[in-house]
Amino acid sequence: MKLYSINQGSLLKSIKTKSGNIPLDIAVTKSGDLVYTDVSDRTVNIMKNKKIENVIRLQNWTPRGVCSTFSGDLLVTMCSHDDKQSKIVRYSGSTEKQTIQFDNQGKPLYSLYTCITENRNLDICVSDNKVRAVVVVNHAGKLRFRYTGHTPAPKNKPFIPLGITTDSQSHILTADDNNDCVHIIDQDGHFLRYIECGLSDPRGTLYRYK
């Protein structure tokens, strides 16, 4: 994991994972600490005072996406060991506070490959590229909507969302690898516009608050 200067583009810091495995997702806490998920040893790790600590170690689940919330909690997407189930778990430190897995009809909300962020209205926003949808639940875990893309798409290809973020107006932005663009939708799931500008295979996206 590498930290670069936003102004000069120079490398400021390089950090190796504790296990030597490739990190799958990274986030930064409100206090500026780096958090990352390690699929190989099923851990969520945090770097404090130049030392990496295992905050969460899972047994029958594998962590994937991670997000640091406005309240200071961690939201972690994870899949079961047999790859048949997926869920979101909210942690305060290493303590599990909330699990989000099913809708009101008892059907799974998520598949396996998910990125996650929190909106300013405290909605939990997930890009699920296996089912080709952005899935948004409220703070309590109740489904608000699913966004499955907009027609016409820039390349008229199926919607495949990857990286996801939100902005100061609670708009949701997600990278569409298949159509070489970023979708912008409002907090209720209505399509607003595309960002194209010559993108090629966009995967991650981040909004920098001013």
N, C-alpha and C. Protein backbone atom coordinates (compact mmCIF):
# COMPACT_ATOMS: atom_id res chain seq x y z
N MET A 1 0.86 -1.17 0.00
CA MET A 1 0.00 0.00 0.00
C MET A 1 0.89 1.22 0.00
N LYS A 2 0.59 2.18 -0.89
CA LYS A 2 1.47 3.33 -1.04
C LYS A 2 0.68 4.64 -0.93
N LEU A 3 1.28 5.60 -0.24
CA LEU A 3 0.70 6.91 -0.06
C LEU A 3 1.49 7.91 -0.90
N TYR A 4 0.77 8.67 -1.75
CA TYR A 4 1.41 9.63 -2.63
C TYR A 4 0.95 11.04 -2.29
N SER A 5 1.80 12.01 -2.56
CA SER A 5 1.45 13.42 -2.41
C SER A 5 0.44 13.79 -3.49
N ILE A 6 -0.68 14.40 -3.09
CA ILE A 6 -1.71 14.76 -4.06
C ILE A 6 -1.25 15.91 -4.95
N ASN A 7 -0.33 16.72 -4.48
CA ASN A 7 0.14 17.87 -5.26
C ASN A 7 1.31 17.52 -6.17
N GLN A 8 2.28 16.80 -5.66
CA GLN A 8 3.49 16.52 -6.42
C GLN A 8 3.52 15.13 -7.03
N GLY A 9 2.67 14.24 -6.53
CA GLY A 9 2.66 12.88 -7.05
C GLY A 9 3.81 12.03 -6.56
N SER A 10 4.57 12.53 -5.62
CA SER A 10 5.74 11.79 -5.11
C SER A 10 5.31 10.80 -4.04
N LEU A 11 6.05 9.72 -3.92
CA LEU A 11 5.77 8.68 -2.93
C LEU A 11 6.14 9.17 -1.54
N LEU A 12 5.17 9.16 -0.61
CA LEU A 12 5.42 9.60 0.75
C LEU A 12 5.68 8.43 1.70
N LYS A 13 4.99 7.33 1.46
CA LYS A 13 5.12 6.20 2.37
C LYS A 13 4.72 4.91 1.67
N SER A 14 5.39 3.82 2.00
CA SER A 14 5.05 2.51 1.48
C SER A 14 4.92 1.54 2.66
N ILE A 15 3.81 0.80 2.69
CA ILE A 15 3.52 -0.07 3.83
C ILE A 15 3.28 -1.50 3.34
N LYS A 16 3.98 -2.45 3.92
CA LYS A 16 3.77 -3.85 3.61
C LYS A 16 2.75 -4.43 4.57
N THR A 17 1.91 -5.33 4.08
CA THR A 17 0.93 -5.96 4.94
C THR A 17 1.63 -6.85 5.97
N LYS A 18 0.95 -7.09 7.06
CA LYS A 18 1.53 -7.88 8.15
C LYS A 18 1.81 -9.31 7.72
N SER A 19 0.93 -9.86 6.89
CA SER A 19 1.06 -11.26 6.47
C SER A 19 1.91 -11.43 5.21
N GLY A 20 2.13 -10.33 4.48
CA GLY A 20 2.80 -10.43 3.20
C GLY A 20 1.85 -10.70 2.05
N ASN A 21 0.54 -10.82 2.37
CA ASN A 21 -0.47 -11.05 1.34
C ASN A 21 -0.94 -9.72 0.75
N ILE A 22 -1.57 -9.80 -0.40
CA ILE A 22 -2.09 -8.60 -1.07
C ILE A 22 -3.36 -8.13 -0.36
N PRO A 23 -3.45 -6.83 0.00
CA PRO A 23 -4.70 -6.33 0.60
C PRO A 23 -5.78 -6.23 -0.46
N LEU A 24 -7.03 -6.54 -0.08
CA LEU A 24 -8.11 -6.47 -1.06
C LEU A 24 -8.75 -5.08 -1.08
N ASP A 25 -8.95 -4.48 0.10
CA ASP A 25 -9.56 -3.16 0.16
C ASP A 25 -8.92 -2.35 1.28
N ILE A 26 -8.94 -1.03 1.14
CA ILE A 26 -8.36 -0.15 2.14
C ILE A 26 -9.33 0.97 2.48
N ALA A 27 -9.16 1.55 3.67
CA ALA A 27 -9.95 2.70 4.11
C ALA A 27 -9.10 3.49 5.09
N VAL A 28 -9.53 4.71 5.37
CA VAL A 28 -8.85 5.55 6.35
C VAL A 28 -9.87 5.98 7.40
N THR A 29 -9.54 5.82 8.69
CA THR A 29 -10.45 6.17 9.76
C THR A 29 -10.49 7.69 9.96
N LYS A 30 -11.40 8.16 10.79
CA LYS A 30 -11.52 9.58 11.07
C LYS A 30 -10.24 10.14 11.69
N SER A 31 -9.52 9.29 12.42
CA SER A 31 -8.28 9.73 13.06
C SER A 31 -7.07 9.59 12.15
N GLY A 32 -7.31 9.13 10.91
CA GLY A 32 -6.23 9.04 9.93
C GLY A 32 -5.48 7.74 9.90
N ASP A 33 -5.98 6.72 10.58
CA ASP A 33 -5.33 5.41 10.58
C ASP A 33 -5.75 4.60 9.35
N LEU A 34 -4.82 3.85 8.81
CA LEU A 34 -5.07 3.01 7.64
C LEU A 34 -5.68 1.68 8.06
N VAL A 35 -6.76 1.27 7.37
CA VAL A 35 -7.40 -0.03 7.60
C VAL A 35 -7.38 -0.80 6.29
N TYR A 36 -7.14 -2.11 6.37
CA TYR A 36 -7.19 -2.92 5.15
C TYR A 36 -7.69 -4.33 5.45
N THR A 37 -8.25 -4.98 4.43
CA THR A 37 -8.70 -6.36 4.57
C THR A 37 -7.70 -7.30 3.91
N ASP A 38 -7.49 -8.43 4.56
CA ASP A 38 -6.56 -9.45 4.07
C ASP A 38 -7.36 -10.73 3.85
N VAL A 39 -7.61 -11.06 2.59
CA VAL A 39 -8.42 -12.24 2.26
C VAL A 39 -7.72 -13.53 2.66
N SER A 40 -6.41 -13.58 2.48
CA SER A 40 -5.67 -14.83 2.68
C SER A 40 -5.71 -15.31 4.14
N ASP A 41 -5.59 -14.38 5.09
CA ASP A 41 -5.63 -14.83 6.49
C ASP A 41 -6.92 -14.39 7.20
N ARG A 42 -7.90 -13.87 6.42
CA ARG A 42 -9.24 -13.55 6.91
C ARG A 42 -9.21 -12.54 8.07
N THR A 43 -8.47 -11.47 7.87
CA THR A 43 -8.37 -10.46 8.91
C THR A 43 -8.69 -9.07 8.38
N VAL A 44 -9.09 -8.20 9.31
CA VAL A 44 -9.16 -6.76 9.07
C VAL A 44 -8.11 -6.13 9.97
N ASN A 45 -7.26 -5.30 9.38
CA ASN A 45 -6.09 -4.79 10.09
C ASN A 45 -6.08 -3.27 10.11
N ILE A 46 -5.45 -2.72 11.14
CA ILE A 46 -5.32 -1.28 11.26
C ILE A 46 -3.88 -0.94 11.60
N MET A 47 -3.39 0.16 11.03
CA MET A 47 -2.04 0.60 11.32
C MET A 47 -2.09 1.79 12.27
N LYS A 48 -1.54 1.61 13.48
CA LYS A 48 -1.48 2.67 14.47
C LYS A 48 -0.07 2.77 15.02
N ASN A 49 0.42 3.99 15.12
CA ASN A 49 1.77 4.22 15.67
C ASN A 49 2.81 3.36 14.96
N LYS A 50 2.68 3.27 13.64
CA LYS A 50 3.61 2.56 12.78
C LYS A 50 3.59 1.04 12.99
N LYS A 51 2.57 0.53 13.69
CA LYS A 51 2.44 -0.91 13.89
C LYS A 51 1.10 -1.38 13.36
N ILE A 52 1.10 -2.55 12.72
CA ILE A 52 -0.13 -3.13 12.17
C ILE A 52 -0.72 -4.11 13.17
N GLU A 53 -2.01 -3.92 13.49
CA GLU A 53 -2.69 -4.79 14.43
C GLU A 53 -3.87 -5.48 13.74
N ASN A 54 -4.10 -6.76 14.08
CA ASN A 54 -5.31 -7.45 13.63
C ASN A 54 -6.47 -6.98 14.49
N VAL A 55 -7.41 -6.25 13.89
CA VAL A 55 -8.58 -5.78 14.63
C VAL A 55 -9.66 -6.85 14.65
N ILE A 56 -9.84 -7.52 13.52
CA ILE A 56 -10.87 -8.54 13.37
C ILE A 56 -10.25 -9.76 12.71
N ARG A 57 -10.47 -10.92 13.29
CA ARG A 57 -10.04 -12.18 12.68
C ARG A 57 -11.25 -13.09 12.55
N LEU A 58 -11.59 -13.46 11.32
CA LEU A 58 -12.78 -14.25 11.05
C LEU A 58 -12.45 -15.73 10.94
N GLN A 59 -13.45 -16.56 11.19
CA GLN A 59 -13.27 -18.01 11.12
C GLN A 59 -13.88 -18.59 9.85
N ASN A 60 -15.18 -18.54 9.75
CA ASN A 60 -15.88 -19.15 8.61
C ASN A 60 -16.29 -18.15 7.54
N TRP A 61 -15.76 -16.90 7.66
CA TRP A 61 -16.07 -15.85 6.70
C TRP A 61 -14.78 -15.21 6.21
N THR A 62 -14.84 -14.63 5.01
CA THR A 62 -13.69 -13.97 4.42
C THR A 62 -14.01 -12.50 4.20
N PRO A 63 -13.22 -11.56 4.77
CA PRO A 63 -13.51 -10.13 4.60
C PRO A 63 -13.17 -9.68 3.19
N ARG A 64 -13.94 -8.71 2.70
CA ARG A 64 -13.69 -8.16 1.36
C ARG A 64 -13.60 -6.63 1.44
N GLY A 65 -14.73 -5.93 1.31
CA GLY A 65 -14.68 -4.48 1.37
C GLY A 65 -14.70 -3.97 2.80
N VAL A 66 -14.14 -2.76 3.00
CA VAL A 66 -14.16 -2.14 4.32
C VAL A 66 -14.41 -0.65 4.18
N CYS A 67 -15.13 -0.09 5.15
CA CYS A 67 -15.46 1.33 5.15
C CYS A 67 -15.41 1.83 6.59
N SER A 68 -14.83 3.01 6.79
CA SER A 68 -14.86 3.67 8.09
C SER A 68 -16.01 4.66 8.10
N THR A 69 -16.92 4.56 9.05
CA THR A 69 -18.14 5.37 9.06
C THR A 69 -17.92 6.71 9.76
N PHE A 70 -18.92 7.59 9.64
CA PHE A 70 -18.85 8.90 10.27
C PHE A 70 -18.82 8.77 11.79
N SER A 71 -19.39 7.69 12.33
CA SER A 71 -19.42 7.49 13.78
C SER A 71 -18.14 6.83 14.30
N GLY A 72 -17.28 6.38 13.37
CA GLY A 72 -16.04 5.73 13.78
C GLY A 72 -16.10 4.22 13.76
N ASP A 73 -17.27 3.64 13.41
CA ASP A 73 -17.37 2.19 13.26
C ASP A 73 -16.70 1.73 11.96
N LEU A 74 -16.51 0.43 11.84
CA LEU A 74 -16.06 -0.18 10.58
C LEU A 74 -17.20 -1.02 10.01
N LEU A 75 -17.47 -0.84 8.72
CA LEU A 75 -18.39 -1.71 7.99
C LEU A 75 -17.56 -2.63 7.12
N VAL A 76 -17.79 -3.94 7.24
CA VAL A 76 -17.00 -4.92 6.51
C VAL A 76 -17.94 -5.83 5.71
N THR A 77 -17.71 -5.93 4.40
CA THR A 77 -18.43 -6.92 3.60
C THR A 77 -17.65 -8.22 3.65
N MET A 78 -18.36 -9.32 3.69
CA MET A 78 -17.68 -10.62 3.79
C MET A 78 -18.51 -11.72 3.16
N CYS A 79 -17.84 -12.78 2.76
CA CYS A 79 -18.53 -13.94 2.20
C CYS A 79 -18.18 -15.18 3.02
N SER A 80 -19.07 -16.16 2.99
CA SER A 80 -18.86 -17.38 3.75
C SER A 80 -17.74 -18.21 3.13
N HIS A 81 -17.22 -19.14 3.91
CA HIS A 81 -16.10 -19.97 3.46
C HIS A 81 -16.45 -20.76 2.19
N ASP A 82 -17.73 -21.16 2.05
CA ASP A 82 -18.15 -21.93 0.88
C ASP A 82 -18.64 -21.03 -0.26
N ASP A 83 -18.49 -19.70 -0.11
CA ASP A 83 -18.89 -18.74 -1.14
C ASP A 83 -20.38 -18.77 -1.47
N LYS A 84 -21.20 -19.19 -0.52
CA LYS A 84 -22.64 -19.26 -0.78
C LYS A 84 -23.42 -18.13 -0.12
N GLN A 85 -22.80 -17.41 0.81
CA GLN A 85 -23.48 -16.34 1.51
C GLN A 85 -22.60 -15.10 1.57
N SER A 86 -23.24 -13.94 1.70
CA SER A 86 -22.53 -12.68 1.83
C SER A 86 -23.29 -11.77 2.77
N LYS A 87 -22.58 -10.94 3.52
CA LYS A 87 -23.23 -10.05 4.48
C LYS A 87 -22.34 -8.86 4.80
N ILE A 88 -22.94 -7.89 5.49
CA ILE A 88 -22.20 -6.74 6.02
C ILE A 88 -22.25 -6.82 7.54
N VAL A 89 -21.11 -6.58 8.18
CA VAL A 89 -21.07 -6.55 9.63
C VAL A 89 -20.48 -5.21 10.07
N ARG A 90 -21.15 -4.58 11.04
CA ARG A 90 -20.67 -3.33 11.63
C ARG A 90 -19.90 -3.65 12.91
N TYR A 91 -18.70 -3.08 13.02
CA TYR A 91 -17.87 -3.30 14.20
C TYR A 91 -17.55 -1.97 14.88
N SER A 92 -17.54 -2.02 16.21
CA SER A 92 -16.96 -0.95 17.00
C SER A 92 -15.68 -1.53 17.59
N GLY A 93 -14.53 -1.13 17.04
CA GLY A 93 -13.29 -1.82 17.37
C GLY A 93 -13.38 -3.23 16.83
N SER A 94 -13.26 -4.22 17.71
CA SER A 94 -13.39 -5.61 17.29
C SER A 94 -14.72 -6.22 17.72
N THR A 95 -15.62 -5.38 18.23
CA THR A 95 -16.92 -5.85 18.72
C THR A 95 -17.98 -5.75 17.63
N GLU A 96 -18.65 -6.85 17.34
CA GLU A 96 -19.71 -6.87 16.33
C GLU A 96 -20.96 -6.19 16.87
N LYS A 97 -21.49 -5.21 16.12
CA LYS A 97 -22.66 -4.44 16.56
C LYS A 97 -23.90 -4.72 15.73
N GLN A 98 -23.72 -5.06 14.45
CA GLN A 98 -24.87 -5.18 13.55
C GLN A 98 -24.51 -6.10 12.39
N THR A 99 -25.47 -6.90 11.96
CA THR A 99 -25.30 -7.74 10.78
C THR A 99 -26.41 -7.44 9.79
N ILE A 100 -26.05 -7.23 8.53
CA ILE A 100 -27.02 -6.95 7.48
C ILE A 100 -26.84 -8.00 6.39
N GLN A 101 -27.86 -8.82 6.19
CA GLN A 101 -27.70 -9.93 5.24
C GLN A 101 -28.93 -10.18 4.38
N PHE A 102 -30.14 -9.99 4.95
CA PHE A 102 -31.37 -10.35 4.23
C PHE A 102 -32.34 -9.16 4.17
N ASP A 103 -33.22 -9.18 3.15
CA ASP A 103 -34.26 -8.17 3.07
C ASP A 103 -35.48 -8.61 3.88
N ASN A 104 -36.57 -7.87 3.77
CA ASN A 104 -37.77 -8.16 4.56
C ASN A 104 -38.42 -9.49 4.20
N GLN A 105 -38.12 -10.00 3.01
CA GLN A 105 -38.67 -11.29 2.58
C GLN A 105 -37.71 -12.45 2.86
N GLY A 106 -36.62 -12.14 3.53
CA GLY A 106 -35.66 -13.18 3.87
C GLY A 106 -34.73 -13.56 2.73
N LYS A 107 -34.72 -12.73 1.67
CA LYS A 107 -33.84 -13.01 0.53
C LYS A 107 -32.50 -12.30 0.72
N PRO A 108 -31.41 -12.90 0.24
CA PRO A 108 -30.09 -12.28 0.40
C PRO A 108 -30.02 -10.92 -0.27
N LEU A 109 -29.42 -9.96 0.41
CA LEU A 109 -29.24 -8.63 -0.16
C LEU A 109 -28.03 -8.56 -1.08
N TYR A 110 -27.02 -9.38 -0.83
CA TYR A 110 -25.74 -9.24 -1.51
C TYR A 110 -25.24 -10.57 -2.07
N SER A 111 -24.32 -10.46 -3.04
CA SER A 111 -23.62 -11.65 -3.53
C SER A 111 -22.21 -11.65 -2.95
N LEU A 112 -21.21 -11.99 -3.72
CA LEU A 112 -19.87 -12.19 -3.15
C LEU A 112 -18.93 -11.02 -3.31
N TYR A 113 -19.03 -10.29 -4.41
CA TYR A 113 -17.99 -9.32 -4.75
C TYR A 113 -18.50 -7.91 -4.54
N THR A 114 -18.20 -7.33 -3.40
CA THR A 114 -18.84 -6.07 -3.04
C THR A 114 -17.84 -5.05 -2.51
N CYS A 115 -18.03 -3.78 -2.94
CA CYS A 115 -17.34 -2.62 -2.36
C CYS A 115 -18.36 -1.84 -1.56
N ILE A 116 -17.92 -1.09 -0.55
CA ILE A 116 -18.86 -0.49 0.38
C ILE A 116 -18.44 0.93 0.76
N THR A 117 -19.44 1.78 1.00
CA THR A 117 -19.21 3.12 1.54
C THR A 117 -20.45 3.54 2.31
N GLU A 118 -20.31 4.61 3.10
CA GLU A 118 -21.45 5.15 3.84
C GLU A 118 -21.78 6.54 3.29
N ASN A 119 -23.07 6.81 3.13
CA ASN A 119 -23.50 8.11 2.64
C ASN A 119 -23.65 9.08 3.80
N ARG A 120 -23.75 10.37 3.48
CA ARG A 120 -23.89 11.37 4.53
C ARG A 120 -25.22 11.28 5.27
N ASN A 121 -26.22 10.66 4.65
CA ASN A 121 -27.49 10.43 5.34
C ASN A 121 -27.48 9.11 6.11
N LEU A 122 -26.28 8.49 6.23
CA LEU A 122 -26.01 7.25 6.97
C LEU A 122 -26.52 6.00 6.27
N ASP A 123 -26.97 6.12 5.01
CA ASP A 123 -27.25 4.93 4.22
C ASP A 123 -25.96 4.16 3.97
N ILE A 124 -26.08 2.86 3.83
CA ILE A 124 -24.94 2.00 3.51
C ILE A 124 -25.06 1.60 2.04
N CYS A 125 -24.05 1.96 1.25
CA CYS A 125 -24.10 1.80 -0.20
C CYS A 125 -23.08 0.75 -0.63
N VAL A 126 -23.54 -0.23 -1.38
CA VAL A 126 -22.69 -1.33 -1.81
C VAL A 126 -22.77 -1.48 -3.32
N SER A 127 -21.62 -1.64 -3.98
CA SER A 127 -21.62 -1.99 -5.40
C SER A 127 -21.39 -3.49 -5.50
N ASP A 128 -22.35 -4.17 -6.08
CA ASP A 128 -22.32 -5.63 -6.15
C ASP A 128 -22.21 -6.03 -7.62
N ASN A 129 -20.98 -6.30 -8.06
CA ASN A 129 -20.81 -6.52 -9.50
C ASN A 129 -21.28 -7.89 -9.96
N LYS A 130 -21.49 -8.82 -9.05
CA LYS A 130 -21.98 -10.13 -9.48
C LYS A 130 -23.44 -10.05 -9.90
N VAL A 131 -24.25 -9.28 -9.15
CA VAL A 131 -25.66 -9.11 -9.53
C VAL A 131 -25.88 -7.83 -10.32
N ARG A 132 -24.77 -7.09 -10.57
CA ARG A 132 -24.79 -5.87 -11.41
C ARG A 132 -25.75 -4.83 -10.85
N ALA A 133 -25.54 -4.48 -9.59
CA ALA A 133 -26.43 -3.50 -8.96
C ALA A 133 -25.69 -2.76 -7.85
N VAL A 134 -26.15 -1.53 -7.59
CA VAL A 134 -25.79 -0.81 -6.38
C VAL A 134 -26.94 -1.03 -5.41
N VAL A 135 -26.61 -1.59 -4.24
CA VAL A 135 -27.63 -1.93 -3.25
C VAL A 135 -27.48 -0.98 -2.07
N VAL A 136 -28.56 -0.27 -1.74
CA VAL A 136 -28.52 0.75 -0.68
C VAL A 136 -29.52 0.40 0.41
N VAL A 137 -29.02 0.31 1.65
CA VAL A 137 -29.88 0.10 2.82
C VAL A 137 -29.72 1.29 3.76
N ASN A 138 -30.70 1.50 4.63
CA ASN A 138 -30.57 2.58 5.60
C ASN A 138 -29.71 2.15 6.78
N HIS A 139 -29.56 3.04 7.75
CA HIS A 139 -28.67 2.76 8.88
C HIS A 139 -29.10 1.52 9.65
N ALA A 140 -30.41 1.22 9.64
CA ALA A 140 -30.93 0.06 10.35
C ALA A 140 -30.79 -1.23 9.54
N GLY A 141 -30.36 -1.10 8.27
CA GLY A 141 -30.19 -2.28 7.43
C GLY A 141 -31.38 -2.62 6.57
N LYS A 142 -32.38 -1.72 6.50
CA LYS A 142 -33.55 -1.96 5.67
C LYS A 142 -33.29 -1.50 4.24
N LEU A 143 -33.64 -2.34 3.27
CA LEU A 143 -33.40 -2.02 1.86
C LEU A 143 -34.14 -0.76 1.45
N ARG A 144 -33.41 0.19 0.84
CA ARG A 144 -34.03 1.40 0.30
C ARG A 144 -34.24 1.27 -1.20
N PHE A 145 -33.20 0.84 -1.93
CA PHE A 145 -33.35 0.65 -3.38
C PHE A 145 -32.18 -0.14 -3.95
N ARG A 146 -32.39 -0.61 -5.16
CA ARG A 146 -31.33 -1.20 -5.98
C ARG A 146 -31.24 -0.40 -7.27
N TYR A 147 -30.04 0.02 -7.62
CA TYR A 147 -29.83 0.72 -8.89
C TYR A 147 -29.12 -0.25 -9.82
N THR A 148 -29.71 -0.51 -10.99
CA THR A 148 -29.18 -1.52 -11.91
C THR A 148 -28.68 -0.91 -13.22
N GLY A 149 -28.34 0.40 -13.19
CA GLY A 149 -27.81 1.04 -14.38
C GLY A 149 -28.83 1.91 -15.08
N HIS A 150 -28.37 2.60 -16.11
CA HIS A 150 -29.22 3.54 -16.85
C HIS A 150 -29.07 3.29 -18.34
N THR A 151 -30.18 3.41 -19.07
CA THR A 151 -30.18 3.22 -20.52
C THR A 151 -30.47 4.54 -21.22
N PRO A 152 -29.69 4.89 -22.26
CA PRO A 152 -28.61 4.10 -22.84
C PRO A 152 -27.30 4.28 -22.08
N ALA A 153 -26.55 3.20 -21.99
CA ALA A 153 -25.21 3.26 -21.39
C ALA A 153 -24.22 3.72 -22.45
N PRO A 154 -23.11 4.34 -22.04
CA PRO A 154 -22.15 4.86 -23.02
C PRO A 154 -21.70 3.86 -24.08
N LYS A 155 -21.54 2.59 -23.69
CA LYS A 155 -21.11 1.58 -24.66
C LYS A 155 -22.17 0.51 -24.88
N ASN A 156 -23.37 0.77 -24.35
CA ASN A 156 -24.49 -0.17 -24.49
C ASN A 156 -24.14 -1.57 -24.00
N LYS A 157 -23.36 -1.62 -22.92
CA LYS A 157 -22.98 -2.89 -22.32
C LYS A 157 -23.64 -3.02 -20.95
N PRO A 158 -23.71 -4.24 -20.40
CA PRO A 158 -24.31 -4.43 -19.07
C PRO A 158 -23.56 -3.62 -18.00
N PHE A 159 -24.29 -3.15 -17.03
CA PHE A 159 -23.77 -2.38 -15.91
C PHE A 159 -22.95 -3.28 -14.98
N ILE A 160 -21.68 -2.96 -14.78
CA ILE A 160 -20.85 -3.72 -13.85
C ILE A 160 -20.18 -2.74 -12.88
N PRO A 161 -20.81 -2.49 -11.73
CA PRO A 161 -20.27 -1.53 -10.77
C PRO A 161 -19.09 -2.10 -9.99
N LEU A 162 -18.09 -1.24 -9.76
CA LEU A 162 -16.93 -1.67 -8.97
C LEU A 162 -16.76 -0.70 -7.80
N GLY A 163 -15.74 0.18 -7.85
CA GLY A 163 -15.53 1.11 -6.75
C GLY A 163 -16.73 2.03 -6.55
N ILE A 164 -16.96 2.43 -5.29
CA ILE A 164 -18.12 3.26 -4.98
C ILE A 164 -17.74 4.30 -3.93
N THR A 165 -18.32 5.50 -4.05
CA THR A 165 -18.11 6.55 -3.07
C THR A 165 -19.33 7.46 -3.06
N THR A 166 -19.36 8.42 -2.13
CA THR A 166 -20.45 9.38 -2.07
C THR A 166 -19.86 10.78 -1.92
N ASP A 167 -20.66 11.82 -2.22
CA ASP A 167 -20.14 13.18 -2.11
C ASP A 167 -20.89 13.96 -1.02
N SER A 168 -20.60 15.26 -0.93
CA SER A 168 -21.15 16.09 0.13
C SER A 168 -22.65 16.31 -0.01
N GLN A 169 -23.22 16.00 -1.18
CA GLN A 169 -24.66 16.14 -1.41
C GLN A 169 -25.38 14.79 -1.32
N SER A 170 -24.68 13.78 -0.83
CA SER A 170 -25.21 12.42 -0.71
C SER A 170 -25.47 11.76 -2.06
N HIS A 171 -24.85 12.29 -3.12
CA HIS A 171 -24.87 11.59 -4.40
C HIS A 171 -23.98 10.35 -4.29
N ILE A 172 -24.32 9.33 -5.05
CA ILE A 172 -23.56 8.08 -5.06
C ILE A 172 -22.86 7.95 -6.40
N LEU A 173 -21.56 7.71 -6.38
CA LEU A 173 -20.75 7.56 -7.59
C LEU A 173 -20.17 6.16 -7.62
N THR A 174 -20.34 5.48 -8.75
CA THR A 174 -19.78 4.14 -8.87
C THR A 174 -19.12 3.95 -10.24
N ALA A 175 -17.96 3.34 -10.22
CA ALA A 175 -17.22 3.09 -11.47
C ALA A 175 -17.83 1.91 -12.20
N ASP A 176 -18.06 2.09 -13.50
CA ASP A 176 -18.62 1.04 -14.36
C ASP A 176 -17.52 0.59 -15.31
N ASP A 177 -16.89 -0.52 -14.97
CA ASP A 177 -15.77 -1.04 -15.74
C ASP A 177 -16.17 -1.41 -17.16
N ASN A 178 -17.39 -1.86 -17.33
CA ASN A 178 -17.84 -2.37 -18.63
C ASN A 178 -18.13 -1.25 -19.62
N ASN A 179 -18.56 -0.09 -19.11
CA ASN A 179 -18.93 1.03 -19.98
C ASN A 179 -17.94 2.19 -19.91
N ASP A 180 -16.81 1.99 -19.24
CA ASP A 180 -15.74 3.01 -19.16
C ASP A 180 -16.28 4.35 -18.69
N CYS A 181 -17.03 4.32 -17.58
CA CYS A 181 -17.60 5.57 -17.08
C CYS A 181 -17.86 5.47 -15.58
N VAL A 182 -18.28 6.58 -14.99
CA VAL A 182 -18.74 6.63 -13.61
C VAL A 182 -20.20 7.06 -13.61
N HIS A 183 -21.05 6.31 -12.93
CA HIS A 183 -22.46 6.67 -12.79
C HIS A 183 -22.62 7.56 -11.56
N ILE A 184 -23.40 8.62 -11.68
CA ILE A 184 -23.77 9.44 -10.52
C ILE A 184 -25.27 9.35 -10.34
N ILE A 185 -25.70 8.90 -9.15
CA ILE A 185 -27.12 8.82 -8.83
C ILE A 185 -27.36 9.61 -7.54
N ASP A 186 -28.61 10.02 -7.31
CA ASP A 186 -28.89 10.75 -6.09
C ASP A 186 -29.13 9.78 -4.94
N GLN A 187 -29.42 10.31 -3.76
CA GLN A 187 -29.53 9.48 -2.56
C GLN A 187 -30.75 8.58 -2.58
N ASP A 188 -31.66 8.78 -3.55
CA ASP A 188 -32.83 7.94 -3.68
C ASP A 188 -32.74 6.99 -4.87
N GLY A 189 -31.56 6.95 -5.51
CA GLY A 189 -31.35 5.98 -6.59
C GLY A 189 -31.70 6.46 -7.98
N HIS A 190 -31.97 7.77 -8.14
CA HIS A 190 -32.30 8.30 -9.47
C HIS A 190 -31.03 8.69 -10.22
N PHE A 191 -30.93 8.27 -11.46
CA PHE A 191 -29.77 8.57 -12.29
C PHE A 191 -29.66 10.08 -12.54
N LEU A 192 -28.44 10.61 -12.40
CA LEU A 192 -28.19 12.02 -12.66
C LEU A 192 -27.37 12.23 -13.91
N ARG A 193 -26.21 11.57 -14.00
CA ARG A 193 -25.35 11.76 -15.17
C ARG A 193 -24.22 10.72 -15.17
N TYR A 194 -23.53 10.69 -16.32
CA TYR A 194 -22.31 9.89 -16.45
C TYR A 194 -21.09 10.81 -16.41
N ILE A 195 -19.98 10.28 -15.92
CA ILE A 195 -18.67 10.89 -16.14
C ILE A 195 -17.93 9.95 -17.09
N GLU A 196 -17.54 10.48 -18.24
CA GLU A 196 -16.82 9.64 -19.22
C GLU A 196 -15.38 10.14 -19.40
N CYS A 197 -15.21 11.25 -20.05
CA CYS A 197 -13.91 11.93 -20.23
C CYS A 197 -12.73 11.01 -20.50
N GLY A 198 -12.91 10.04 -21.40
CA GLY A 198 -11.79 9.20 -21.82
C GLY A 198 -11.37 8.13 -20.84
N LEU A 199 -12.23 7.74 -19.91
CA LEU A 199 -11.88 6.71 -18.94
C LEU A 199 -11.71 5.36 -19.62
N SER A 200 -10.83 4.55 -19.07
CA SER A 200 -10.62 3.19 -19.59
C SER A 200 -10.55 2.22 -18.41
N ASP A 201 -11.51 1.30 -18.35
CA ASP A 201 -11.59 0.29 -17.29
C ASP A 201 -11.53 0.90 -15.89
N PRO A 202 -12.36 1.90 -15.56
CA PRO A 202 -12.33 2.47 -14.21
C PRO A 202 -12.75 1.44 -13.17
N ARG A 203 -12.06 1.44 -12.06
CA ARG A 203 -12.34 0.45 -11.02
C ARG A 203 -12.61 1.07 -9.67
N GLY A 204 -11.79 2.04 -9.26
CA GLY A 204 -12.00 2.69 -7.97
C GLY A 204 -12.42 4.12 -8.17
N THR A 205 -13.12 4.66 -7.16
CA THR A 205 -13.52 6.07 -7.21
C THR A 205 -13.58 6.62 -5.80
N LEU A 206 -13.15 7.87 -5.63
CA LEU A 206 -13.14 8.50 -4.32
C LEU A 206 -13.50 9.97 -4.46
N TYR A 207 -14.39 10.45 -3.62
CA TYR A 207 -14.73 11.86 -3.60
C TYR A 207 -13.95 12.53 -2.49
N ARG A 208 -13.29 13.64 -2.79
CA ARG A 208 -12.50 14.37 -1.78
C ARG A 208 -13.32 15.54 -1.28
N TYR A 209 -13.75 15.47 -0.02
CA TYR A 209 -14.56 16.55 0.55
C TYR A 209 -13.73 17.81 0.69
N LYS A 210 -14.36 18.97 0.40
CA LYS A 210 -13.66 20.24 0.52
C LYS A 210 -14.09 20.93 1.82
